[in-house]
Amino acid sequence: MKNIIMSLILLLVIVTLGVASYTFLNRYESHDMNPSIIKKDTELAFNYNTSNISNENSMVVFTDFNCSYCKNYYNHAFQTIKKNYISNNKTNYRIVNVAILGEESQYAASAANATNAIYPKASKLVQSQLYNIQKNSKDNVTNRIDNILENSNIPNSKLKQIKIEYKNKKSKSWLKVQKDNDLFKKYHLEYVPTAYVNGRYIENPNDIESIKKNFN
């Protein structure tokens, strides 16, 4: 009788471990996407490359300006990716600026969208500086963003347009924030930063080796 009970317990443990392993693996495999679908879904995302690359590798990153992990990603892993893959046109790199961490995120994402639409020459600089809204400051978020924009070499006429656009919650820039958030939900993502390389879900974009092995 004792042997039968021990056998049943062992069987239960094996089944439990099997189910857990299947769930764990399936969780990440289910995030993988057809590259052509991602390309279509992110057509209006910020494209870090100056032009599309034929037969390119494709990397799409979901990030939030109010996320400290995203800031760390930008300051470290992204710089390696930029040097080894973006600057020499080995990959097409797109950024989806989601805003899942409150109103500050929304204003920052809207500012990035407005800059990209109105004065794209400053987009890369503004994109890099908007992570600085995380600095402790008594200034409200729009003052912090205005300061970033004013120090980004944007002509006054364009600067005025960008400020009006990003602060207007009925503007196209705010509408795009909502669409990017909807895409985050559509892909059943849970946190930022996350990424896709050629359709393969990358759980941790700071893991350069995971990114490298999924490039063609």
N, C-alpha and C. Protein backbone atom coordinates (compact mmCIF):
# COMPACT_ATOMS: atom_id res chain seq x y z
N MET A 1 0.83 -1.21 0.00
CA MET A 1 0.00 0.00 0.00
C MET A 1 0.87 1.26 0.00
N LYS A 2 1.92 1.18 0.83
CA LYS A 2 2.83 2.32 0.93
C LYS A 2 3.50 2.58 -0.42
N ASN A 3 3.87 1.48 -1.12
CA ASN A 3 4.51 1.63 -2.42
C ASN A 3 3.57 2.26 -3.44
N ILE A 4 2.30 1.88 -3.36
CA ILE A 4 1.30 2.45 -4.29
C ILE A 4 1.16 3.95 -4.06
N ILE A 5 1.10 4.36 -2.80
CA ILE A 5 0.97 5.78 -2.47
C ILE A 5 2.18 6.58 -2.96
N MET A 6 3.37 5.99 -2.75
CA MET A 6 4.59 6.67 -3.19
C MET A 6 4.62 6.79 -4.72
N SER A 7 4.14 5.76 -5.40
CA SER A 7 4.11 5.79 -6.86
C SER A 7 3.14 6.86 -7.36
N LEU A 8 1.99 6.98 -6.68
CA LEU A 8 1.01 7.99 -7.07
C LEU A 8 1.55 9.41 -6.84
N ILE A 9 2.26 9.58 -5.72
CA ILE A 9 2.85 10.89 -5.43
C ILE A 9 3.89 11.25 -6.49
N LEU A 10 4.74 10.26 -6.85
CA LEU A 10 5.77 10.48 -7.86
C LEU A 10 5.13 10.84 -9.20
N LEU A 11 4.07 10.11 -9.56
CA LEU A 11 3.36 10.37 -10.81
C LEU A 11 2.79 11.78 -10.81
N LEU A 12 2.21 12.18 -9.68
CA LEU A 12 1.62 13.52 -9.56
C LEU A 12 2.69 14.60 -9.75
N VAL A 13 3.87 14.39 -9.15
CA VAL A 13 4.97 15.34 -9.28
C VAL A 13 5.41 15.46 -10.74
N ILE A 14 5.52 14.32 -11.42
CA ILE A 14 5.96 14.32 -12.82
C ILE A 14 4.96 15.07 -13.69
N VAL A 15 3.68 14.79 -13.48
CA VAL A 15 2.64 15.45 -14.27
C VAL A 15 2.65 16.96 -14.02
N THR A 16 2.78 17.33 -12.74
CA THR A 16 2.80 18.75 -12.39
C THR A 16 3.97 19.48 -13.04
N LEU A 17 5.14 18.86 -13.00
CA LEU A 17 6.32 19.46 -13.61
C LEU A 17 6.16 19.56 -15.13
N GLY A 18 5.55 18.55 -15.72
CA GLY A 18 5.32 18.55 -17.16
C GLY A 18 4.40 19.67 -17.58
N VAL A 19 3.33 19.85 -16.83
CA VAL A 19 2.36 20.91 -17.14
C VAL A 19 3.02 22.28 -16.96
N ALA A 20 3.80 22.42 -15.89
CA ALA A 20 4.47 23.71 -15.62
C ALA A 20 5.46 24.03 -16.73
N SER A 21 6.21 23.03 -17.19
CA SER A 21 7.19 23.25 -18.25
C SER A 21 6.50 23.64 -19.55
N TYR A 22 5.41 22.94 -19.85
CA TYR A 22 4.67 23.24 -21.08
C TYR A 22 4.12 24.67 -21.03
N THR A 23 3.58 25.05 -19.88
CA THR A 23 3.01 26.39 -19.73
C THR A 23 4.09 27.45 -19.87
N PHE A 24 5.25 27.20 -19.25
CA PHE A 24 6.35 28.15 -19.31
C PHE A 24 6.82 28.36 -20.74
N LEU A 25 7.04 27.25 -21.45
CA LEU A 25 7.52 27.36 -22.82
C LEU A 25 6.48 27.96 -23.75
N ASN A 26 5.25 27.55 -23.56
CA ASN A 26 4.18 28.02 -24.42
C ASN A 26 3.91 29.50 -24.22
N ARG A 27 4.15 29.97 -22.99
CA ARG A 27 3.94 31.39 -22.68
C ARG A 27 4.76 32.28 -23.61
N TYR A 28 6.04 31.90 -23.82
CA TYR A 28 6.91 32.73 -24.64
C TYR A 28 6.72 32.44 -26.13
N GLU A 29 6.49 31.18 -26.49
CA GLU A 29 6.25 30.87 -27.88
C GLU A 29 4.99 31.55 -28.39
N SER A 30 4.00 31.73 -27.51
CA SER A 30 2.74 32.33 -27.94
C SER A 30 2.92 33.80 -28.26
N HIS A 31 4.00 34.44 -27.76
CA HIS A 31 4.26 35.84 -28.06
C HIS A 31 4.90 36.03 -29.43
N ASP A 32 5.47 34.97 -30.01
CA ASP A 32 6.10 35.09 -31.32
C ASP A 32 5.06 35.51 -32.36
N MET A 33 5.50 36.32 -33.31
CA MET A 33 4.57 36.87 -34.31
C MET A 33 5.14 36.71 -35.71
N ASN A 34 4.26 36.70 -36.70
CA ASN A 34 4.69 36.74 -38.09
C ASN A 34 5.35 38.09 -38.35
N PRO A 35 6.59 38.11 -38.84
CA PRO A 35 7.30 39.38 -39.06
C PRO A 35 6.53 40.36 -39.94
N SER A 36 5.82 39.84 -40.93
CA SER A 36 5.07 40.74 -41.83
C SER A 36 3.92 41.42 -41.10
N ILE A 37 3.33 40.75 -40.10
CA ILE A 37 2.26 41.35 -39.31
C ILE A 37 2.81 42.46 -38.43
N ILE A 38 3.96 42.18 -37.78
CA ILE A 38 4.58 43.22 -36.95
C ILE A 38 4.96 44.42 -37.80
N LYS A 39 5.52 44.17 -38.98
CA LYS A 39 5.92 45.26 -39.86
C LYS A 39 4.73 46.14 -40.22
N LYS A 40 3.59 45.51 -40.50
CA LYS A 40 2.39 46.27 -40.84
C LYS A 40 1.85 47.01 -39.62
N ASP A 41 1.83 46.34 -38.47
CA ASP A 41 1.29 46.95 -37.25
C ASP A 41 2.11 48.15 -36.77
N THR A 42 3.40 48.16 -37.12
CA THR A 42 4.29 49.23 -36.63
C THR A 42 4.73 50.18 -37.74
N GLU A 43 3.96 50.26 -38.79
CA GLU A 43 4.32 51.14 -39.91
C GLU A 43 4.52 52.59 -39.46
N LEU A 44 3.74 53.03 -38.47
CA LEU A 44 3.82 54.41 -38.02
C LEU A 44 4.67 54.58 -36.76
N ALA A 45 5.33 53.51 -36.35
CA ALA A 45 6.23 53.60 -35.20
C ALA A 45 7.47 54.41 -35.58
N PHE A 46 8.21 54.87 -34.57
CA PHE A 46 9.41 55.63 -34.85
C PHE A 46 10.46 54.72 -35.45
N ASN A 47 10.86 55.02 -36.69
CA ASN A 47 11.85 54.21 -37.40
C ASN A 47 13.22 54.85 -37.21
N TYR A 48 14.10 54.16 -36.52
CA TYR A 48 15.40 54.74 -36.20
C TYR A 48 16.29 54.85 -37.42
N ASN A 49 16.05 54.03 -38.43
CA ASN A 49 16.83 54.09 -39.66
C ASN A 49 16.35 55.24 -40.54
N THR A 50 17.26 55.79 -41.33
CA THR A 50 16.88 56.89 -42.22
C THR A 50 16.05 56.40 -43.39
N SER A 51 16.17 55.13 -43.71
CA SER A 51 15.38 54.57 -44.81
C SER A 51 15.20 53.08 -44.58
N ASN A 52 14.20 52.51 -45.27
CA ASN A 52 13.99 51.07 -45.13
C ASN A 52 15.13 50.31 -45.82
N ILE A 53 15.42 49.16 -45.28
CA ILE A 53 16.52 48.35 -45.80
C ILE A 53 15.91 47.15 -46.52
N SER A 54 16.39 46.88 -47.72
CA SER A 54 15.87 45.72 -48.44
C SER A 54 16.43 44.45 -47.82
N ASN A 55 15.60 43.42 -47.75
CA ASN A 55 16.00 42.13 -47.16
C ASN A 55 16.56 42.29 -45.75
N GLU A 56 15.92 43.17 -44.98
CA GLU A 56 16.49 43.53 -43.69
C GLU A 56 16.10 42.58 -42.57
N ASN A 57 16.94 42.60 -41.56
CA ASN A 57 16.51 42.11 -40.27
C ASN A 57 15.59 43.16 -39.69
N SER A 58 14.75 42.75 -38.77
CA SER A 58 13.78 43.68 -38.20
C SER A 58 13.76 43.54 -36.68
N MET A 59 13.87 44.69 -35.99
CA MET A 59 13.77 44.70 -34.54
C MET A 59 12.79 45.78 -34.13
N VAL A 60 11.82 45.40 -33.29
CA VAL A 60 10.82 46.33 -32.77
C VAL A 60 10.86 46.28 -31.26
N VAL A 61 11.00 47.44 -30.64
CA VAL A 61 11.10 47.51 -29.18
C VAL A 61 9.93 48.32 -28.62
N PHE A 62 9.30 47.77 -27.60
CA PHE A 62 8.24 48.48 -26.87
C PHE A 62 8.86 49.07 -25.61
N THR A 63 8.73 50.39 -25.47
CA THR A 63 9.39 51.08 -24.36
C THR A 63 8.51 52.19 -23.83
N ASP A 64 8.75 52.60 -22.59
CA ASP A 64 7.98 53.66 -21.94
C ASP A 64 8.97 54.65 -21.34
N PHE A 65 8.80 55.94 -21.64
CA PHE A 65 9.75 56.96 -21.18
C PHE A 65 9.80 57.08 -19.65
N ASN A 66 8.79 56.60 -18.97
CA ASN A 66 8.75 56.71 -17.52
C ASN A 66 9.21 55.43 -16.82
N CYS A 67 9.82 54.54 -17.60
CA CYS A 67 10.26 53.24 -17.09
C CYS A 67 11.78 53.26 -16.88
N SER A 68 12.22 53.03 -15.65
CA SER A 68 13.66 53.06 -15.36
C SER A 68 14.40 51.94 -16.07
N TYR A 69 13.75 50.78 -16.26
CA TYR A 69 14.37 49.68 -16.97
C TYR A 69 14.57 50.02 -18.44
N CYS A 70 13.61 50.78 -19.00
CA CYS A 70 13.71 51.21 -20.39
C CYS A 70 14.86 52.20 -20.56
N LYS A 71 15.00 53.09 -19.59
CA LYS A 71 16.11 54.04 -19.62
C LYS A 71 17.44 53.30 -19.55
N ASN A 72 17.52 52.31 -18.70
CA ASN A 72 18.74 51.50 -18.60
C ASN A 72 19.01 50.77 -19.91
N TYR A 73 17.96 50.23 -20.53
CA TYR A 73 18.10 49.57 -21.83
C TYR A 73 18.67 50.54 -22.86
N TYR A 74 18.10 51.76 -22.90
CA TYR A 74 18.55 52.74 -23.88
C TYR A 74 20.02 53.10 -23.66
N ASN A 75 20.40 53.29 -22.42
CA ASN A 75 21.76 53.73 -22.10
C ASN A 75 22.82 52.66 -22.31
N HIS A 76 22.42 51.38 -22.34
CA HIS A 76 23.42 50.32 -22.41
C HIS A 76 23.19 49.38 -23.61
N ALA A 77 22.23 48.49 -23.53
CA ALA A 77 22.05 47.50 -24.60
C ALA A 77 21.78 48.16 -25.95
N PHE A 78 20.94 49.19 -25.95
CA PHE A 78 20.62 49.84 -27.22
C PHE A 78 21.88 50.42 -27.89
N GLN A 79 22.78 50.95 -27.11
CA GLN A 79 23.99 51.54 -27.69
C GLN A 79 24.83 50.48 -28.40
N THR A 80 24.84 49.26 -27.86
CA THR A 80 25.53 48.16 -28.52
C THR A 80 24.82 47.76 -29.80
N ILE A 81 23.50 47.67 -29.74
CA ILE A 81 22.71 47.32 -30.92
C ILE A 81 22.88 48.39 -32.00
N LYS A 82 22.86 49.64 -31.59
CA LYS A 82 23.03 50.75 -32.53
C LYS A 82 24.37 50.65 -33.25
N LYS A 83 25.43 50.40 -32.49
CA LYS A 83 26.78 50.33 -33.05
C LYS A 83 26.95 49.15 -33.99
N ASN A 84 26.44 47.98 -33.58
CA ASN A 84 26.71 46.75 -34.33
C ASN A 84 25.69 46.40 -35.40
N TYR A 85 24.47 46.96 -35.29
CA TYR A 85 23.43 46.54 -36.21
C TYR A 85 22.68 47.68 -36.91
N ILE A 86 22.45 48.78 -36.20
CA ILE A 86 21.67 49.86 -36.80
C ILE A 86 22.54 50.76 -37.67
N SER A 87 23.68 51.19 -37.15
CA SER A 87 24.53 52.15 -37.87
C SER A 87 25.06 51.61 -39.19
N ASN A 88 25.23 50.30 -39.28
CA ASN A 88 25.73 49.71 -40.52
C ASN A 88 24.61 49.05 -41.34
N ASN A 89 23.36 49.42 -41.01
CA ASN A 89 22.19 48.96 -41.78
C ASN A 89 22.02 47.45 -41.82
N LYS A 90 22.36 46.79 -40.70
CA LYS A 90 22.13 45.35 -40.62
C LYS A 90 20.73 45.02 -40.10
N THR A 91 20.05 46.03 -39.57
CA THR A 91 18.67 45.80 -39.12
C THR A 91 17.85 47.07 -39.24
N ASN A 92 16.58 46.89 -39.47
CA ASN A 92 15.62 47.98 -39.41
C ASN A 92 15.10 48.02 -37.98
N TYR A 93 15.21 49.17 -37.34
CA TYR A 93 14.92 49.28 -35.90
C TYR A 93 13.76 50.24 -35.68
N ARG A 94 12.69 49.73 -35.08
CA ARG A 94 11.52 50.56 -34.80
C ARG A 94 11.23 50.60 -33.30
N ILE A 95 10.74 51.76 -32.85
CA ILE A 95 10.43 51.95 -31.44
C ILE A 95 8.95 52.27 -31.29
N VAL A 96 8.27 51.51 -30.44
CA VAL A 96 6.87 51.78 -30.11
C VAL A 96 6.86 52.40 -28.72
N ASN A 97 6.57 53.71 -28.67
CA ASN A 97 6.57 54.43 -27.40
C ASN A 97 5.21 54.29 -26.72
N VAL A 98 5.07 53.23 -25.95
CA VAL A 98 3.82 53.03 -25.22
C VAL A 98 3.81 53.91 -23.98
N ALA A 99 2.64 54.08 -23.40
CA ALA A 99 2.50 54.93 -22.21
C ALA A 99 1.61 54.21 -21.21
N ILE A 100 2.22 53.26 -20.49
CA ILE A 100 1.45 52.41 -19.57
C ILE A 100 1.73 52.77 -18.11
N LEU A 101 2.57 53.80 -17.90
CA LEU A 101 2.98 54.14 -16.53
C LEU A 101 2.51 55.52 -16.11
N GLY A 102 1.31 55.87 -16.54
CA GLY A 102 0.71 57.11 -16.05
C GLY A 102 0.77 58.28 -17.02
N GLU A 103 0.28 59.42 -16.54
CA GLU A 103 0.13 60.60 -17.37
C GLU A 103 1.47 61.14 -17.87
N GLU A 104 2.51 61.05 -17.06
CA GLU A 104 3.82 61.52 -17.50
C GLU A 104 4.28 60.74 -18.73
N SER A 105 4.02 59.44 -18.73
CA SER A 105 4.34 58.61 -19.89
C SER A 105 3.57 59.08 -21.12
N GLN A 106 2.32 59.39 -20.93
CA GLN A 106 1.46 59.81 -22.05
C GLN A 106 1.95 61.11 -22.67
N TYR A 107 2.27 62.09 -21.83
CA TYR A 107 2.77 63.36 -22.36
C TYR A 107 4.11 63.17 -23.09
N ALA A 108 4.99 62.36 -22.53
CA ALA A 108 6.29 62.14 -23.15
C ALA A 108 6.15 61.42 -24.50
N ALA A 109 5.31 60.39 -24.54
CA ALA A 109 5.08 59.68 -25.80
C ALA A 109 4.45 60.59 -26.83
N SER A 110 3.52 61.43 -26.39
CA SER A 110 2.88 62.39 -27.29
C SER A 110 3.91 63.37 -27.84
N ALA A 111 4.84 63.81 -27.00
CA ALA A 111 5.88 64.73 -27.45
C ALA A 111 6.79 64.08 -28.49
N ALA A 112 7.12 62.81 -28.27
CA ALA A 112 7.94 62.08 -29.25
C ALA A 112 7.19 61.97 -30.58
N ASN A 113 5.90 61.66 -30.51
CA ASN A 113 5.09 61.54 -31.72
C ASN A 113 5.00 62.87 -32.45
N ALA A 114 4.78 63.94 -31.71
CA ALA A 114 4.63 65.27 -32.32
C ALA A 114 5.94 65.70 -32.98
N THR A 115 7.06 65.44 -32.32
CA THR A 115 8.36 65.80 -32.90
C THR A 115 8.61 65.03 -34.18
N ASN A 116 8.31 63.74 -34.16
CA ASN A 116 8.54 62.91 -35.33
C ASN A 116 7.68 63.35 -36.51
N ALA A 117 6.49 63.86 -36.23
CA ALA A 117 5.58 64.28 -37.29
C ALA A 117 5.92 65.68 -37.82
N ILE A 118 6.32 66.58 -36.93
CA ILE A 118 6.49 67.98 -37.29
C ILE A 118 7.93 68.34 -37.64
N TYR A 119 8.88 67.81 -36.90
CA TYR A 119 10.29 68.11 -37.18
C TYR A 119 11.13 66.85 -36.93
N PRO A 120 11.05 65.89 -37.86
CA PRO A 120 11.71 64.59 -37.67
C PRO A 120 13.23 64.66 -37.50
N LYS A 121 13.85 65.75 -37.96
CA LYS A 121 15.30 65.88 -37.80
C LYS A 121 15.73 65.83 -36.34
N ALA A 122 14.82 66.23 -35.45
CA ALA A 122 15.15 66.24 -34.02
C ALA A 122 14.66 65.00 -33.29
N SER A 123 14.07 64.07 -34.01
CA SER A 123 13.41 62.92 -33.36
C SER A 123 14.36 62.07 -32.53
N LYS A 124 15.53 61.76 -33.07
CA LYS A 124 16.47 60.90 -32.35
C LYS A 124 16.94 61.56 -31.06
N LEU A 125 17.23 62.86 -31.15
CA LEU A 125 17.70 63.57 -29.96
C LEU A 125 16.60 63.64 -28.91
N VAL A 126 15.39 63.99 -29.33
CA VAL A 126 14.27 64.08 -28.39
C VAL A 126 13.97 62.72 -27.79
N GLN A 127 13.99 61.70 -28.64
CA GLN A 127 13.74 60.33 -28.18
C GLN A 127 14.71 59.95 -27.06
N SER A 128 15.97 60.31 -27.21
CA SER A 128 16.98 59.96 -26.21
C SER A 128 16.81 60.77 -24.93
N GLN A 129 16.41 62.04 -25.06
CA GLN A 129 16.34 62.92 -23.91
C GLN A 129 15.07 62.75 -23.08
N LEU A 130 14.01 62.22 -23.69
CA LEU A 130 12.73 62.12 -22.97
C LEU A 130 12.78 61.15 -21.79
N TYR A 131 13.77 60.26 -21.77
CA TYR A 131 13.90 59.39 -20.60
C TYR A 131 14.26 60.21 -19.36
N ASN A 132 14.72 61.44 -19.57
CA ASN A 132 15.11 62.29 -18.44
C ASN A 132 13.91 62.90 -17.71
N ILE A 133 12.70 62.63 -18.16
CA ILE A 133 11.54 63.08 -17.38
C ILE A 133 11.49 62.33 -16.05
N GLN A 134 12.27 61.26 -15.94
CA GLN A 134 12.29 60.48 -14.70
C GLN A 134 13.08 61.16 -13.59
N LYS A 135 13.86 62.18 -13.93
CA LYS A 135 14.64 62.86 -12.91
C LYS A 135 13.71 63.49 -11.88
N ASN A 136 14.10 63.40 -10.62
CA ASN A 136 13.30 64.03 -9.57
C ASN A 136 13.27 65.54 -9.79
N SER A 137 12.09 66.09 -9.85
CA SER A 137 11.96 67.52 -10.11
C SER A 137 10.61 68.01 -9.60
N LYS A 138 10.59 69.25 -9.14
CA LYS A 138 9.34 69.85 -8.71
C LYS A 138 8.53 70.38 -9.89
N ASP A 139 9.20 70.52 -11.03
CA ASP A 139 8.50 70.97 -12.23
C ASP A 139 7.51 69.90 -12.69
N ASN A 140 6.37 70.33 -13.20
CA ASN A 140 5.44 69.34 -13.74
C ASN A 140 6.00 68.79 -15.05
N VAL A 141 5.42 67.74 -15.54
CA VAL A 141 6.00 67.00 -16.65
C VAL A 141 6.06 67.83 -17.93
N THR A 142 5.07 68.69 -18.17
CA THR A 142 5.11 69.49 -19.41
C THR A 142 6.25 70.50 -19.37
N ASN A 143 6.56 71.02 -18.20
CA ASN A 143 7.71 71.93 -18.09
C ASN A 143 9.01 71.18 -18.39
N ARG A 144 9.11 69.96 -17.89
CA ARG A 144 10.30 69.16 -18.14
C ARG A 144 10.44 68.82 -19.62
N ILE A 145 9.31 68.47 -20.24
CA ILE A 145 9.34 68.15 -21.66
C ILE A 145 9.64 69.40 -22.49
N ASP A 146 9.04 70.53 -22.14
CA ASP A 146 9.32 71.79 -22.86
C ASP A 146 10.81 72.10 -22.81
N ASN A 147 11.42 71.88 -21.67
CA ASN A 147 12.85 72.16 -21.53
C ASN A 147 13.67 71.27 -22.45
N ILE A 148 13.27 70.00 -22.56
CA ILE A 148 13.96 69.07 -23.47
C ILE A 148 13.80 69.53 -24.92
N LEU A 149 12.59 69.90 -25.29
CA LEU A 149 12.34 70.34 -26.66
C LEU A 149 13.10 71.62 -26.99
N GLU A 150 13.15 72.54 -26.03
CA GLU A 150 13.83 73.82 -26.25
C GLU A 150 15.33 73.67 -26.39
N ASN A 151 15.86 72.54 -25.96
CA ASN A 151 17.30 72.29 -26.07
C ASN A 151 17.62 71.23 -27.12
N SER A 152 16.73 71.10 -28.11
CA SER A 152 16.90 70.07 -29.13
C SER A 152 17.06 70.64 -30.54
N ASN A 153 17.48 71.90 -30.61
CA ASN A 153 17.78 72.54 -31.90
C ASN A 153 16.61 72.51 -32.87
N ILE A 154 15.43 72.78 -32.37
CA ILE A 154 14.21 72.82 -33.18
C ILE A 154 13.90 74.28 -33.50
N PRO A 155 13.68 74.63 -34.77
CA PRO A 155 13.33 76.01 -35.12
C PRO A 155 12.11 76.48 -34.34
N ASN A 156 12.07 77.73 -33.99
CA ASN A 156 11.00 78.27 -33.14
C ASN A 156 9.60 77.99 -33.67
N SER A 157 9.42 78.14 -34.98
CA SER A 157 8.09 77.93 -35.55
C SER A 157 7.64 76.48 -35.38
N LYS A 158 8.58 75.53 -35.57
CA LYS A 158 8.27 74.11 -35.40
C LYS A 158 8.11 73.77 -33.92
N LEU A 159 8.93 74.40 -33.09
CA LEU A 159 8.88 74.16 -31.65
C LEU A 159 7.50 74.53 -31.11
N LYS A 160 6.98 75.66 -31.55
CA LYS A 160 5.66 76.10 -31.10
C LYS A 160 4.59 75.10 -31.51
N GLN A 161 4.68 74.61 -32.74
CA GLN A 161 3.70 73.62 -33.23
C GLN A 161 3.76 72.34 -32.41
N ILE A 162 4.98 71.89 -32.13
CA ILE A 162 5.15 70.64 -31.36
C ILE A 162 4.55 70.78 -29.97
N LYS A 163 4.81 71.91 -29.31
CA LYS A 163 4.29 72.12 -27.96
C LYS A 163 2.76 72.11 -27.95
N ILE A 164 2.17 72.78 -28.91
CA ILE A 164 0.70 72.81 -28.98
C ILE A 164 0.15 71.41 -29.24
N GLU A 165 0.80 70.68 -30.15
CA GLU A 165 0.33 69.35 -30.55
C GLU A 165 0.42 68.35 -29.40
N TYR A 166 1.55 68.30 -28.73
CA TYR A 166 1.73 67.22 -27.74
C TYR A 166 0.90 67.44 -26.48
N LYS A 167 0.52 68.70 -26.21
CA LYS A 167 -0.27 68.98 -25.00
C LYS A 167 -1.77 68.84 -25.23
N ASN A 168 -2.17 68.75 -26.48
CA ASN A 168 -3.59 68.65 -26.81
C ASN A 168 -4.02 67.19 -26.80
N LYS A 169 -4.84 66.82 -25.82
CA LYS A 169 -5.23 65.42 -25.67
C LYS A 169 -6.18 64.93 -26.76
N LYS A 170 -6.57 65.83 -27.66
CA LYS A 170 -7.40 65.43 -28.80
C LYS A 170 -6.60 65.42 -30.10
N SER A 171 -5.29 65.59 -30.00
CA SER A 171 -4.44 65.69 -31.18
C SER A 171 -4.12 64.31 -31.76
N LYS A 172 -3.53 64.33 -32.96
CA LYS A 172 -3.11 63.09 -33.60
C LYS A 172 -2.01 62.40 -32.79
N SER A 173 -1.18 63.21 -32.13
CA SER A 173 -0.10 62.63 -31.33
C SER A 173 -0.64 61.83 -30.15
N TRP A 174 -1.68 62.35 -29.51
CA TRP A 174 -2.31 61.63 -28.40
C TRP A 174 -3.06 60.40 -28.90
N LEU A 175 -3.68 60.53 -30.08
CA LEU A 175 -4.37 59.39 -30.66
C LEU A 175 -3.39 58.25 -30.93
N LYS A 176 -2.19 58.61 -31.40
CA LYS A 176 -1.18 57.58 -31.66
C LYS A 176 -0.73 56.91 -30.36
N VAL A 177 -0.67 57.68 -29.27
CA VAL A 177 -0.33 57.08 -27.97
C VAL A 177 -1.31 55.96 -27.64
N GLN A 178 -2.59 56.23 -27.85
CA GLN A 178 -3.61 55.24 -27.55
C GLN A 178 -3.49 54.03 -28.48
N LYS A 179 -3.18 54.27 -29.75
CA LYS A 179 -3.03 53.16 -30.70
C LYS A 179 -1.83 52.29 -30.33
N ASP A 180 -0.76 52.91 -29.88
CA ASP A 180 0.42 52.14 -29.47
C ASP A 180 0.13 51.33 -28.21
N ASN A 181 -0.64 51.90 -27.31
CA ASN A 181 -1.05 51.15 -26.11
C ASN A 181 -1.94 49.98 -26.49
N ASP A 182 -2.82 50.20 -27.47
CA ASP A 182 -3.69 49.12 -27.95
C ASP A 182 -2.87 48.00 -28.57
N LEU A 183 -1.79 48.36 -29.27
CA LEU A 183 -0.93 47.33 -29.87
C LEU A 183 -0.23 46.53 -28.79
N PHE A 184 0.19 47.18 -27.73
CA PHE A 184 0.80 46.51 -26.58
C PHE A 184 -0.15 45.45 -26.01
N LYS A 185 -1.43 45.82 -25.91
CA LYS A 185 -2.44 44.89 -25.40
C LYS A 185 -2.72 43.79 -26.42
N LYS A 186 -2.77 44.15 -27.68
CA LYS A 186 -3.04 43.17 -28.74
C LYS A 186 -2.02 42.04 -28.73
N TYR A 187 -0.76 42.38 -28.44
CA TYR A 187 0.31 41.38 -28.42
C TYR A 187 0.41 40.67 -27.07
N HIS A 188 -0.49 41.02 -26.14
CA HIS A 188 -0.54 40.41 -24.81
C HIS A 188 0.80 40.57 -24.07
N LEU A 189 1.40 41.74 -24.23
CA LEU A 189 2.65 42.02 -23.51
C LEU A 189 2.33 42.46 -22.09
N GLU A 190 3.26 42.24 -21.20
CA GLU A 190 3.00 42.48 -19.78
C GLU A 190 3.86 43.59 -19.18
N TYR A 191 4.99 43.89 -19.81
CA TYR A 191 5.88 44.90 -19.25
C TYR A 191 6.79 45.45 -20.34
N VAL A 192 7.51 46.50 -19.99
CA VAL A 192 8.50 47.10 -20.88
C VAL A 192 9.85 47.15 -20.16
N PRO A 193 10.97 47.11 -20.90
CA PRO A 193 11.01 46.97 -22.36
C PRO A 193 10.86 45.51 -22.80
N THR A 194 10.21 45.31 -23.90
CA THR A 194 10.19 44.02 -24.56
C THR A 194 10.44 44.26 -26.04
N ALA A 195 10.81 43.20 -26.76
CA ALA A 195 11.19 43.41 -28.16
C ALA A 195 10.85 42.19 -29.01
N TYR A 196 10.87 42.41 -30.32
CA TYR A 196 10.75 41.34 -31.30
C TYR A 196 11.91 41.46 -32.28
N VAL A 197 12.56 40.35 -32.57
CA VAL A 197 13.59 40.31 -33.60
C VAL A 197 13.16 39.30 -34.64
N ASN A 198 12.87 39.80 -35.83
CA ASN A 198 12.37 38.95 -36.91
C ASN A 198 11.18 38.10 -36.47
N GLY A 199 10.31 38.73 -35.67
CA GLY A 199 9.10 38.06 -35.22
C GLY A 199 9.26 37.25 -33.95
N ARG A 200 10.49 37.01 -33.53
CA ARG A 200 10.74 36.23 -32.32
C ARG A 200 10.67 37.13 -31.09
N TYR A 201 9.85 36.73 -30.13
CA TYR A 201 9.69 37.51 -28.90
C TYR A 201 10.95 37.45 -28.06
N ILE A 202 11.45 38.62 -27.67
CA ILE A 202 12.63 38.72 -26.82
C ILE A 202 12.18 39.18 -25.44
N GLU A 203 12.23 38.29 -24.48
CA GLU A 203 11.75 38.61 -23.14
C GLU A 203 12.58 39.72 -22.50
N ASN A 204 13.89 39.68 -22.71
CA ASN A 204 14.78 40.65 -22.08
C ASN A 204 15.68 41.28 -23.14
N PRO A 205 15.33 42.47 -23.64
CA PRO A 205 16.15 43.11 -24.69
C PRO A 205 17.55 43.46 -24.23
N ASN A 206 17.81 43.44 -22.92
CA ASN A 206 19.16 43.71 -22.43
C ASN A 206 20.10 42.53 -22.66
N ASP A 207 19.51 41.40 -23.02
CA ASP A 207 20.30 40.20 -23.30
C ASP A 207 20.75 40.23 -24.76
N ILE A 208 21.91 40.79 -25.00
CA ILE A 208 22.40 40.97 -26.36
C ILE A 208 22.53 39.64 -27.10
N GLU A 209 22.91 38.59 -26.40
CA GLU A 209 23.08 37.28 -27.05
C GLU A 209 21.76 36.76 -27.60
N SER A 210 20.66 36.98 -26.86
CA SER A 210 19.34 36.55 -27.36
C SER A 210 18.96 37.30 -28.62
N ILE A 211 19.34 38.56 -28.68
CA ILE A 211 19.05 39.35 -29.86
C ILE A 211 19.91 38.89 -31.03
N LYS A 212 21.20 38.72 -30.80
CA LYS A 212 22.13 38.35 -31.87
C LYS A 212 21.73 37.03 -32.54
N LYS A 213 21.34 36.05 -31.74
CA LYS A 213 21.08 34.73 -32.31
C LYS A 213 19.80 34.70 -33.15
N ASN A 214 18.97 35.74 -33.03
CA ASN A 214 17.74 35.78 -33.82
C ASN A 214 17.83 36.67 -35.06
N PHE A 215 18.98 37.30 -35.26
CA PHE A 215 19.23 38.01 -36.51
C PHE A 215 19.66 37.02 -37.57
N ASN A 216 19.31 37.31 -38.81
CA ASN A 216 19.71 36.45 -39.92
C ASN A 216 21.18 36.68 -40.26
